[in-house]
Amino acid sequence: MDVFSHPEHEDHEIFQLMYEIARKRRYIRTREGANMNFDESDRQLYVGKHSEKEPLSRKKIPSIIIEEFMILANVCSAV
């Protein structure tokens, strides 16, 4: 997430492009009926001291990128 929140990071543009590809792949996949959206509403992660518990978001941008690129790799290897 640091790369996305800091545009001056050297890999910022690459990760932005990867996220755009992942979003488009997810759109195409769901449009074609291959929706694999897992419900994670019952899971919560906390960071910090016990008195400073803050839940992390369920789906972060890196998770979306990893999921979509792994699915795409599996599709490519199956062809």
Protein backbone atom coordinates (compact mmCIF):
# COMPACT_ATOMS: atom_id res chain seq x y z
CA MET A 1 0.00 0.00 0.00
CA ASP A 2 2.96 2.33 0.49
CA VAL A 3 3.56 2.40 -3.26
CA PHE A 4 0.00 3.56 -3.93
CA SER A 5 0.02 6.24 -1.27
CA HIS A 6 3.37 7.69 -2.40
CA PRO A 7 3.35 8.79 -6.07
CA GLU A 8 7.03 9.64 -5.83
CA HIS A 9 7.86 5.95 -5.26
CA GLU A 10 9.82 4.51 -8.21
CA ASP A 11 7.32 1.65 -8.73
CA HIS A 12 4.16 3.76 -8.40
CA GLU A 13 3.35 3.82 -12.12
CA ILE A 14 3.92 0.09 -12.52
CA PHE A 15 1.56 -0.75 -9.66
CA GLN A 16 -1.02 1.72 -10.98
CA LEU A 17 -0.90 -0.06 -14.35
CA MET A 18 -1.14 -3.47 -12.68
CA TYR A 19 -4.18 -2.31 -10.69
CA GLU A 20 -5.85 -1.00 -13.85
CA ILE A 21 -5.25 -4.35 -15.59
CA ALA A 22 -6.59 -6.23 -12.56
CA ARG A 23 -9.73 -4.06 -12.46
CA LYS A 24 -10.40 -4.65 -16.16
CA ARG A 25 -9.79 -8.40 -15.82
CA ARG A 26 -12.18 -8.56 -12.85
CA TYR A 27 -14.82 -6.66 -14.83
CA ILE A 28 -14.48 -9.01 -17.82
CA ARG A 29 -14.52 -12.08 -15.58
CA THR A 30 -17.66 -11.05 -13.71
CA ARG A 31 -19.39 -9.97 -16.92
CA GLU A 32 -18.79 -13.46 -18.27
CA GLY A 33 -20.28 -15.01 -15.14
CA ALA A 34 -17.09 -16.07 -13.38
CA ASN A 35 -17.63 -14.14 -10.17
CA MET A 36 -15.44 -15.44 -7.37
CA ASN A 37 -16.13 -12.78 -4.77
CA PHE A 38 -15.53 -14.39 -1.39
CA ASP A 39 -17.39 -12.97 1.57
CA GLU A 40 -14.87 -12.00 4.21
CA SER A 41 -17.22 -9.94 6.35
CA ASP A 42 -16.66 -12.17 9.38
CA ARG A 43 -12.88 -11.66 9.34
CA GLN A 44 -11.19 -8.71 10.93
CA LEU A 45 -7.52 -8.04 11.48
CA TYR A 46 -6.30 -5.59 14.07
CA VAL A 47 -3.01 -3.74 14.23
CA GLY A 48 -1.40 -1.71 16.93
CA LYS A 49 -1.47 -1.99 20.68
CA HIS A 50 -4.43 -3.59 22.38
CA SER A 51 -5.82 -0.16 23.24
CA GLU A 52 -5.45 1.09 19.64
CA LYS A 53 -7.30 -1.61 17.73
CA GLU A 54 -8.13 -0.54 14.19
CA PRO A 55 -9.60 -3.02 11.73
CA LEU A 56 -7.82 -3.30 8.41
CA SER A 57 -9.92 -3.13 5.26
CA ARG A 58 -11.07 -6.48 3.88
CA LYS A 59 -9.85 -6.03 0.29
CA LYS A 60 -6.85 -3.92 -0.37
CA ILE A 61 -5.51 -3.01 -3.76
CA PRO A 62 -2.53 -5.40 -3.53
CA SER A 63 -4.89 -8.30 -2.79
CA ILE A 64 -6.97 -7.50 -5.85
CA ILE A 65 -3.85 -7.35 -8.03
CA ILE A 66 -2.51 -10.65 -6.70
CA GLU A 67 -5.86 -12.45 -7.07
CA GLU A 68 -6.46 -11.32 -10.63
CA PHE A 69 -2.91 -11.99 -11.82
CA MET A 70 -2.97 -15.48 -10.25
CA ILE A 71 -6.28 -16.26 -11.96
CA LEU A 72 -4.89 -14.97 -15.26
CA ALA A 73 -1.74 -17.10 -14.84
CA ASN A 74 -3.91 -20.18 -14.27
CA VAL A 75 -6.00 -19.41 -17.35
CA CYS A 76 -2.88 -18.93 -19.48
CA SER A 77 -1.29 -22.15 -18.26
CA ALA A 78 -4.48 -24.11 -18.96
CA VAL A 79 -4.57 -23.07 -22.62
